[in-house]
Amino acid sequence: QVRLVQSRGGLVQPGGSLRLGCAASGDISSLFVVGWYRQGPGSQRDLVASIVIRNTADYDRTTYADFVKGRFTISRDNAKNTVYLQMNSLRPEDTAVYYCNLRQGSSEYWGLGTQVTVSS
């Protein structure tokens, strides 16, 4: 079993920045994928960014949705078993509940989600 604990989101002004964290614990394999998803009001849950992690320092592979490329960065901190989503140049349309997801083998786990609101 894997547990994902997400950091708080918050209210940010347009153009501002926010970093979300997803701390993983439990039975984590040596190869897994962590993704950040978001779901706006009345919308489907969309993939924002993902990182394939093999427990060697030079392996990480990242992907980004077109709507966040150049603004968001996904990264990891091995010592803290945490994956981060750094969000810069935030826009009102980035307002959503953000979820982290971990997939390994045939198993999938979700965080509880955190609200990010971009508004002046």
C-alpha atoms as a PDB file:
ATOM      1  CA  GLN A   1       0.000   0.000   0.000  1.00  0.00           C
ATOM      2  CA  VAL A   2       1.165   3.529  -0.787  1.00  0.00           C
ATOM      3  CA  ARG A   3       0.094   6.721   0.918  1.00  0.00           C
ATOM      4  CA  LEU A   4       0.271  10.118  -0.774  1.00  0.00           C
ATOM      5  CA  VAL A   5       0.103  13.284   1.307  1.00  0.00           C
ATOM      6  CA  GLN A   6      -0.272  16.545  -0.551  1.00  0.00           C
ATOM      7  CA  SER A   7       0.757  19.962   0.666  1.00  0.00           C
ATOM      8  CA  ARG A   8      -1.721  22.789   0.836  1.00  0.00           C
ATOM      9  CA  GLY A   9      -2.684  24.836  -2.169  1.00  0.00           C
ATOM     10  CA  GLY A  10      -3.938  28.345  -1.791  1.00  0.00           C
ATOM     11  CA  LEU A  11      -5.023  31.612  -3.302  1.00  0.00           C
ATOM     12  CA  VAL A  12      -2.548  33.238  -5.661  1.00  0.00           C
ATOM     13  CA  GLN A  13      -2.733  36.359  -7.757  1.00  0.00           C
ATOM     14  CA  PRO A  14      -2.400  36.072 -11.527  1.00  0.00           C
ATOM     15  CA  GLY A  15       1.254  35.968 -12.465  1.00  0.00           C
ATOM     16  CA  GLY A  16       2.184  34.520  -9.103  1.00  0.00           C
ATOM     17  CA  SER A  17       3.819  31.261  -8.145  1.00  0.00           C
ATOM     18  CA  LEU A  18       3.002  28.314  -5.940  1.00  0.00           C
ATOM     19  CA  ARG A  19       4.697  24.997  -5.223  1.00  0.00           C
ATOM     20  CA  LEU A  20       2.744  21.855  -4.480  1.00  0.00           C
ATOM     21  CA  GLY A  21       4.294  18.819  -2.849  1.00  0.00           C
ATOM     22  CA  CYS A  22       3.310  15.160  -2.835  1.00  0.00           C
ATOM     23  CA  ALA A  23       4.999  13.021  -0.182  1.00  0.00           C
ATOM     24  CA  ALA A  24       4.893   9.274  -0.744  1.00  0.00           C
ATOM     25  CA  SER A  25       5.287   6.539   1.831  1.00  0.00           C
ATOM     26  CA  GLY A  26       4.715   2.818   2.007  1.00  0.00           C
ATOM     27  CA  ASP A  27       5.556   0.021  -0.393  1.00  0.00           C
ATOM     28  CA  ILE A  28       7.100   1.954  -3.272  1.00  0.00           C
ATOM     29  CA  SER A  29       8.881   0.094  -6.024  1.00  0.00           C
ATOM     30  CA  SER A  30      12.125   1.069  -7.749  1.00  0.00           C
ATOM     31  CA  LEU A  31      10.281   2.163 -10.914  1.00  0.00           C
ATOM     32  CA  PHE A  32       7.121   4.231 -10.771  1.00  0.00           C
ATOM     33  CA  VAL A  33       5.370   7.244 -12.269  1.00  0.00           C
ATOM     34  CA  VAL A  34       4.089  10.261 -10.369  1.00  0.00           C
ATOM     35  CA  GLY A  35       1.653  12.555 -12.070  1.00  0.00           C
ATOM     36  CA  TRP A  36      -0.033  15.790 -11.164  1.00  0.00           C
ATOM     37  CA  TYR A  37      -3.614  16.119 -12.400  1.00  0.00           C
ATOM     38  CA  ARG A  38      -6.122  18.892 -12.066  1.00  0.00           C
ATOM     39  CA  GLN A  39      -9.877  19.178 -12.211  1.00  0.00           C
ATOM     40  CA  GLY A  40     -11.665  22.468 -12.619  1.00  0.00           C
ATOM     41  CA  PRO A  41     -15.336  23.042 -11.853  1.00  0.00           C
ATOM     42  CA  GLY A  42     -17.465  21.007 -14.223  1.00  0.00           C
ATOM     43  CA  SER A  43     -14.405  19.670 -16.002  1.00  0.00           C
ATOM     44  CA  GLN A  44     -12.714  16.333 -16.364  1.00  0.00           C
ATOM     45  CA  ARG A  45      -9.493  15.513 -14.558  1.00  0.00           C
ATOM     46  CA  ASP A  46      -6.555  16.339 -16.814  1.00  0.00           C
ATOM     47  CA  LEU A  47      -2.914  15.364 -16.591  1.00  0.00           C
ATOM     48  CA  VAL A  48      -0.708  18.375 -15.940  1.00  0.00           C
ATOM     49  CA  ALA A  49       2.745  16.830 -15.630  1.00  0.00           C
ATOM     50  CA  SER A  50       4.349  13.503 -14.895  1.00  0.00           C
ATOM     51  CA  ILE A  51       7.718  12.114 -13.942  1.00  0.00           C
ATOM     52  CA  VAL A  52       8.976   8.577 -14.436  1.00  0.00           C
ATOM     53  CA  ILE A  53      11.250   7.701 -11.570  1.00  0.00           C
ATOM     54  CA  ARG A  54      13.742   4.907 -11.487  1.00  0.00           C
ATOM     55  CA  ASN A  55      15.886   5.036  -8.442  1.00  0.00           C
ATOM     56  CA  THR A  56      18.960   6.213 -10.253  1.00  0.00           C
ATOM     57  CA  ALA A  57      19.727   9.876 -10.293  1.00  0.00           C
ATOM     58  CA  ASP A  58      19.976  10.271 -14.059  1.00  0.00           C
ATOM     59  CA  TYR A  59      16.803   8.482 -15.132  1.00  0.00           C
ATOM     60  CA  ASP A  60      13.934  10.866 -14.473  1.00  0.00           C
ATOM     61  CA  ARG A  61      11.713  11.485 -17.489  1.00  0.00           C
ATOM     62  CA  THR A  62       9.223  14.324 -17.400  1.00  0.00           C
ATOM     63  CA  THR A  63       6.234  15.228 -19.534  1.00  0.00           C
ATOM     64  CA  TYR A  64       3.991  18.286 -19.510  1.00  0.00           C
ATOM     65  CA  ALA A  65       0.615  19.208 -20.863  1.00  0.00           C
ATOM     66  CA  ASP A  66       0.813  21.883 -23.535  1.00  0.00           C
ATOM     67  CA  PHE A  67      -1.137  24.311 -21.388  1.00  0.00           C
ATOM     68  CA  VAL A  68       1.590  24.384 -18.703  1.00  0.00           C
ATOM     69  CA  LYS A  69       4.775  23.996 -20.727  1.00  0.00           C
ATOM     70  CA  GLY A  70       7.289  26.664 -19.841  1.00  0.00           C
ATOM     71  CA  ARG A  71       5.377  27.603 -16.681  1.00  0.00           C
ATOM     72  CA  PHE A  72       5.246  24.482 -14.505  1.00  0.00           C
ATOM     73  CA  THR A  73       8.086  22.198 -13.455  1.00  0.00           C
ATOM     74  CA  ILE A  74       7.822  18.753 -11.898  1.00  0.00           C
ATOM     75  CA  SER A  75      10.742  17.551  -9.801  1.00  0.00           C
ATOM     76  CA  ARG A  76      11.580  15.206  -6.962  1.00  0.00           C
ATOM     77  CA  ASP A  77      13.493  15.206  -3.695  1.00  0.00           C
ATOM     78  CA  ASN A  78      14.743  11.707  -2.974  1.00  0.00           C
ATOM     79  CA  ALA A  79      15.603  12.445   0.634  1.00  0.00           C
ATOM     80  CA  LYS A  80      12.019  13.493   1.341  1.00  0.00           C
ATOM     81  CA  ASN A  81      10.294  11.000  -0.984  1.00  0.00           C
ATOM     82  CA  THR A  82       8.472  13.981  -2.372  1.00  0.00           C
ATOM     83  CA  VAL A  83       7.534  15.116  -5.854  1.00  0.00           C
ATOM     84  CA  TYR A  84       6.942  18.811  -6.383  1.00  0.00           C
ATOM     85  CA  LEU A  85       5.000  20.821  -8.907  1.00  0.00           C
ATOM     86  CA  GLN A  86       6.412  24.328  -9.203  1.00  0.00           C
ATOM     87  CA  MET A  87       3.820  26.559 -10.806  1.00  0.00           C
ATOM     88  CA  ASN A  88       4.879  29.942 -12.159  1.00  0.00           C
ATOM     89  CA  SER A  89       3.082  32.610 -14.156  1.00  0.00           C
ATOM     90  CA  LEU A  90      -0.219  31.355 -12.843  1.00  0.00           C
ATOM     91  CA  ARG A  91      -3.393  32.248 -14.693  1.00  0.00           C
ATOM     92  CA  PRO A  92      -7.037  32.282 -13.607  1.00  0.00           C
ATOM     93  CA  GLU A  93      -7.630  29.253 -15.816  1.00  0.00           C
ATOM     94  CA  ASP A  94      -5.172  27.291 -13.675  1.00  0.00           C
ATOM     95  CA  THR A  95      -7.756  27.373 -10.895  1.00  0.00           C
ATOM     96  CA  ALA A  96      -8.586  23.773 -10.036  1.00  0.00           C
ATOM     97  CA  VAL A  97      -8.230  21.005  -7.513  1.00  0.00           C
ATOM     98  CA  TYR A  98      -4.807  19.459  -8.023  1.00  0.00           C
ATOM     99  CA  TYR A  99      -4.240  15.764  -7.365  1.00  0.00           C
ATOM    100  CA  CYS A 100      -1.080  13.723  -7.274  1.00  0.00           C
ATOM    101  CA  ASN A 101      -1.093  10.179  -8.545  1.00  0.00           C
ATOM    102  CA  LEU A 102       1.408   7.338  -8.276  1.00  0.00           C
ATOM    103  CA  ARG A 103       1.393   4.346 -10.606  1.00  0.00           C
ATOM    104  CA  GLN A 104       3.547   1.266 -10.209  1.00  0.00           C
ATOM    105  CA  GLY A 105       2.877  -1.986 -11.955  1.00  0.00           C
ATOM    106  CA  SER A 106      -0.880  -2.465 -12.080  1.00  0.00           C
ATOM    107  CA  SER A 107      -1.524  -0.341  -8.967  1.00  0.00           C
ATOM    108  CA  GLU A 108      -2.542   3.283  -8.779  1.00  0.00           C
ATOM    109  CA  TYR A 109      -2.849   5.637  -5.826  1.00  0.00           C
ATOM    110  CA  TRP A 110      -4.265   9.135  -5.461  1.00  0.00           C
ATOM    111  CA  GLY A 111      -3.761  11.999  -3.089  1.00  0.00           C
ATOM    112  CA  LEU A 112      -6.791  13.736  -1.625  1.00  0.00           C
ATOM    113  CA  GLY A 113      -6.413  16.838  -3.749  1.00  0.00           C
ATOM    114  CA  THR A 114      -5.702  20.443  -2.926  1.00  0.00           C
ATOM    115  CA  GLN A 115      -7.430  23.593  -4.137  1.00  0.00           C
ATOM    116  CA  VAL A 116      -5.463  26.166  -6.101  1.00  0.00           C
ATOM    117  CA  THR A 117      -7.262  29.408  -6.863  1.00  0.00           C
ATOM    118  CA  VAL A 118      -5.761  32.061  -9.092  1.00  0.00           C
ATOM    119  CA  SER A 119      -7.584  35.332  -8.685  1.00  0.00           C
ATOM    120  CA  SER A 120      -6.972  38.997  -8.010  1.00  0.00           C
END
